Amino acid sequence: MTEKMCFVSNKEPFEYTLSIVSGKWKLKIIYLLACTTPVRYGELKRNISGITHKMLSTQLKELEKENVIERKEYPQVPPKVEYYLTKKGESLIPIVRSMCVWGKENMTRQTN
């Protein structure tokens, strides 16, 4: 029988992390902001295939509420809004990077 590895003695930290990044879109948003900063709303919309305006807006508001991203609005016409990762958001970059490495390793294995 294989021994399972548990990283923490209780599941609260894991569930908290999931509550921040769960869903189909949040990690994609974080990934894009980790790759290029700042990112404007339209650029996010173009680079996240299949997301609706309403969903993108909702996800951005949730990430902002959790202090993962920062929204900077410029007082001009037409409106200009840019999004950045906060320090808290930047602390997720190693997790996203690890996911990319895992995906690359396993995609390669799958095609062999």
C-alpha atoms as a PDB file:
ATOM      1  CA  MET A   1       0.000   0.000   0.000  1.00  0.00           C
ATOM      2  CA  THR A   2       1.310   3.451  -0.943  1.00  0.00           C
ATOM      3  CA  GLU A   3       1.733   5.976   1.851  1.00  0.00           C
ATOM      4  CA  LYS A   4       0.015   9.276   1.117  1.00  0.00           C
ATOM      5  CA  MET A   5       1.823  12.538   1.707  1.00  0.00           C
ATOM      6  CA  CYS A   6       0.011  15.257   3.623  1.00  0.00           C
ATOM      7  CA  PHE A   7       1.648  18.687   3.594  1.00  0.00           C
ATOM      8  CA  VAL A   8      -0.168  20.201   6.559  1.00  0.00           C
ATOM      9  CA  SER A   9      -1.894  18.827   9.614  1.00  0.00           C
ATOM     10  CA  ASN A  10      -5.243  20.371   8.679  1.00  0.00           C
ATOM     11  CA  LYS A  11      -6.904  21.209   5.393  1.00  0.00           C
ATOM     12  CA  GLU A  12      -7.808  24.852   6.097  1.00  0.00           C
ATOM     13  CA  PRO A  13      -4.763  26.388   4.322  1.00  0.00           C
ATOM     14  CA  PHE A  14      -5.389  24.192   1.271  1.00  0.00           C
ATOM     15  CA  GLU A  15      -9.069  25.125   1.168  1.00  0.00           C
ATOM     16  CA  TYR A  16      -8.216  28.813   1.581  1.00  0.00           C
ATOM     17  CA  THR A  17      -5.838  28.635  -1.389  1.00  0.00           C
ATOM     18  CA  LEU A  18      -8.483  26.860  -3.465  1.00  0.00           C
ATOM     19  CA  SER A  19     -11.030  29.534  -2.581  1.00  0.00           C
ATOM     20  CA  ILE A  20      -8.681  32.170  -4.023  1.00  0.00           C
ATOM     21  CA  VAL A  21      -7.703  30.403  -7.285  1.00  0.00           C
ATOM     22  CA  SER A  22     -10.566  27.995  -7.911  1.00  0.00           C
ATOM     23  CA  GLY A  23     -12.593  28.027 -11.056  1.00  0.00           C
ATOM     24  CA  LYS A  24     -11.841  27.929 -14.721  1.00  0.00           C
ATOM     25  CA  TRP A  25     -10.537  31.470 -15.143  1.00  0.00           C
ATOM     26  CA  LYS A  26      -8.651  32.805 -12.104  1.00  0.00           C
ATOM     27  CA  LEU A  27      -5.419  30.899 -12.676  1.00  0.00           C
ATOM     28  CA  LYS A  28      -5.473  31.961 -16.329  1.00  0.00           C
ATOM     29  CA  ILE A  29      -5.782  35.589 -15.242  1.00  0.00           C
ATOM     30  CA  ILE A  30      -2.983  35.197 -12.713  1.00  0.00           C
ATOM     31  CA  TYR A  31      -0.825  33.475 -15.348  1.00  0.00           C
ATOM     32  CA  LEU A  32      -1.303  36.321 -17.831  1.00  0.00           C
ATOM     33  CA  LEU A  33      -0.543  38.945 -15.192  1.00  0.00           C
ATOM     34  CA  ALA A  34       2.572  37.016 -14.170  1.00  0.00           C
ATOM     35  CA  CYS A  35       3.762  36.958 -17.787  1.00  0.00           C
ATOM     36  CA  THR A  36       3.020  40.576 -18.684  1.00  0.00           C
ATOM     37  CA  THR A  37       2.332  43.485 -16.386  1.00  0.00           C
ATOM     38  CA  PRO A  38       0.440  45.709 -16.601  1.00  0.00           C
ATOM     39  CA  VAL A  39      -2.396  44.168 -18.570  1.00  0.00           C
ATOM     40  CA  ARG A  40      -5.441  46.055 -19.771  1.00  0.00           C
ATOM     41  CA  TYR A  41      -8.945  44.614 -19.673  1.00  0.00           C
ATOM     42  CA  GLY A  42      -9.212  44.180 -23.449  1.00  0.00           C
ATOM     43  CA  GLU A  43      -5.897  42.360 -23.564  1.00  0.00           C
ATOM     44  CA  LEU A  44      -7.078  39.929 -20.880  1.00  0.00           C
ATOM     45  CA  LYS A  45     -10.323  39.378 -22.801  1.00  0.00           C
ATOM     46  CA  ARG A  46      -8.455  38.667 -26.056  1.00  0.00           C
ATOM     47  CA  ASN A  47      -6.016  36.259 -24.389  1.00  0.00           C
ATOM     48  CA  ILE A  48      -8.545  34.180 -22.444  1.00  0.00           C
ATOM     49  CA  SER A  49     -10.412  32.213 -25.036  1.00  0.00           C
ATOM     50  CA  GLY A  50     -14.083  31.666 -24.280  1.00  0.00           C
ATOM     51  CA  ILE A  51     -14.483  34.019 -21.317  1.00  0.00           C
ATOM     52  CA  THR A  52     -17.426  36.414 -21.400  1.00  0.00           C
ATOM     53  CA  HIS A  53     -17.184  40.081 -20.426  1.00  0.00           C
ATOM     54  CA  LYS A  54     -19.404  39.433 -17.401  1.00  0.00           C
ATOM     55  CA  MET A  55     -17.318  36.485 -16.220  1.00  0.00           C
ATOM     56  CA  LEU A  56     -14.014  38.325 -16.694  1.00  0.00           C
ATOM     57  CA  SER A  57     -15.358  41.311 -14.801  1.00  0.00           C
ATOM     58  CA  THR A  58     -16.608  39.072 -11.967  1.00  0.00           C
ATOM     59  CA  GLN A  59     -13.340  37.159 -11.713  1.00  0.00           C
ATOM     60  CA  LEU A  60     -11.287  40.366 -11.676  1.00  0.00           C
ATOM     61  CA  LYS A  61     -13.469  41.819  -8.912  1.00  0.00           C
ATOM     62  CA  GLU A  62     -13.080  38.643  -6.832  1.00  0.00           C
ATOM     63  CA  LEU A  63      -9.294  38.616  -7.271  1.00  0.00           C
ATOM     64  CA  GLU A  64      -9.164  42.302  -6.391  1.00  0.00           C
ATOM     65  CA  LYS A  65     -11.302  41.734  -3.281  1.00  0.00           C
ATOM     66  CA  GLU A  66      -8.850  39.027  -2.169  1.00  0.00           C
ATOM     67  CA  ASN A  67      -5.927  41.430  -2.763  1.00  0.00           C
ATOM     68  CA  VAL A  68      -4.413  39.169  -5.446  1.00  0.00           C
ATOM     69  CA  ILE A  69      -4.601  41.831  -8.138  1.00  0.00           C
ATOM     70  CA  GLU A  70      -4.678  45.602  -8.191  1.00  0.00           C
ATOM     71  CA  ARG A  71      -6.830  47.635 -10.542  1.00  0.00           C
ATOM     72  CA  LYS A  72      -5.494  51.001 -11.611  1.00  0.00           C
ATOM     73  CA  GLU A  73      -7.904  53.337 -13.368  1.00  0.00           C
ATOM     74  CA  TYR A  74      -6.703  56.378 -15.282  1.00  0.00           C
ATOM     75  CA  PRO A  75      -9.033  59.408 -15.526  1.00  0.00           C
ATOM     76  CA  GLN A  76      -9.225  59.788 -19.277  1.00  0.00           C
ATOM     77  CA  VAL A  77     -11.561  59.248 -22.202  1.00  0.00           C
ATOM     78  CA  PRO A  78     -11.843  56.503 -23.259  1.00  0.00           C
ATOM     79  CA  PRO A  79     -11.305  54.936 -19.842  1.00  0.00           C
ATOM     80  CA  LYS A  80      -7.995  53.167 -19.322  1.00  0.00           C
ATOM     81  CA  VAL A  81      -7.775  50.417 -16.698  1.00  0.00           C
ATOM     82  CA  GLU A  82      -4.721  48.279 -15.978  1.00  0.00           C
ATOM     83  CA  TYR A  83      -4.346  45.235 -13.782  1.00  0.00           C
ATOM     84  CA  TYR A  84      -1.289  44.168 -11.794  1.00  0.00           C
ATOM     85  CA  LEU A  85      -0.453  41.368  -9.416  1.00  0.00           C
ATOM     86  CA  THR A  86      -0.099  42.510  -5.823  1.00  0.00           C
ATOM     87  CA  LYS A  87       2.603  41.116  -3.525  1.00  0.00           C
ATOM     88  CA  LYS A  88       0.081  38.480  -2.493  1.00  0.00           C
ATOM     89  CA  GLY A  89      -0.599  37.702  -6.151  1.00  0.00           C
ATOM     90  CA  GLU A  90       3.121  37.535  -6.943  1.00  0.00           C
ATOM     91  CA  SER A  91       3.499  34.945  -4.184  1.00  0.00           C
ATOM     92  CA  LEU A  92       1.352  32.626  -6.359  1.00  0.00           C
ATOM     93  CA  ILE A  93       3.862  32.738  -9.243  1.00  0.00           C
ATOM     94  CA  PRO A  94       5.924  29.759  -7.945  1.00  0.00           C
ATOM     95  CA  ILE A  95       2.726  27.688  -7.826  1.00  0.00           C
ATOM     96  CA  VAL A  96       1.785  28.687 -11.380  1.00  0.00           C
ATOM     97  CA  ARG A  97       5.358  28.029 -12.545  1.00  0.00           C
ATOM     98  CA  SER A  98       5.275  24.560 -10.937  1.00  0.00           C
ATOM     99  CA  MET A  99       1.987  23.837 -12.711  1.00  0.00           C
ATOM    100  CA  CYS A 100       3.588  24.831 -16.030  1.00  0.00           C
ATOM    101  CA  VAL A 101       6.590  22.556 -15.402  1.00  0.00           C
ATOM    102  CA  TRP A 102       4.313  19.673 -14.424  1.00  0.00           C
ATOM    103  CA  GLY A 103       2.194  20.202 -17.550  1.00  0.00           C
ATOM    104  CA  LYS A 104       5.242  20.329 -19.810  1.00  0.00           C
ATOM    105  CA  GLU A 105       6.684  17.141 -18.321  1.00  0.00           C
ATOM    106  CA  ASN A 106       3.430  15.244 -18.533  1.00  0.00           C
ATOM    107  CA  MET A 107       2.407  16.491 -21.971  1.00  0.00           C
ATOM    108  CA  THR A 108       5.753  15.225 -23.279  1.00  0.00           C
ATOM    109  CA  ARG A 109       5.246  11.850 -21.621  1.00  0.00           C
ATOM    110  CA  GLN A 110       1.736  11.605 -23.013  1.00  0.00           C
ATOM    111  CA  THR A 111       2.864  12.100 -26.596  1.00  0.00           C
ATOM    112  CA  ASN A 112       5.705   9.566 -26.365  1.00  0.00           C
END
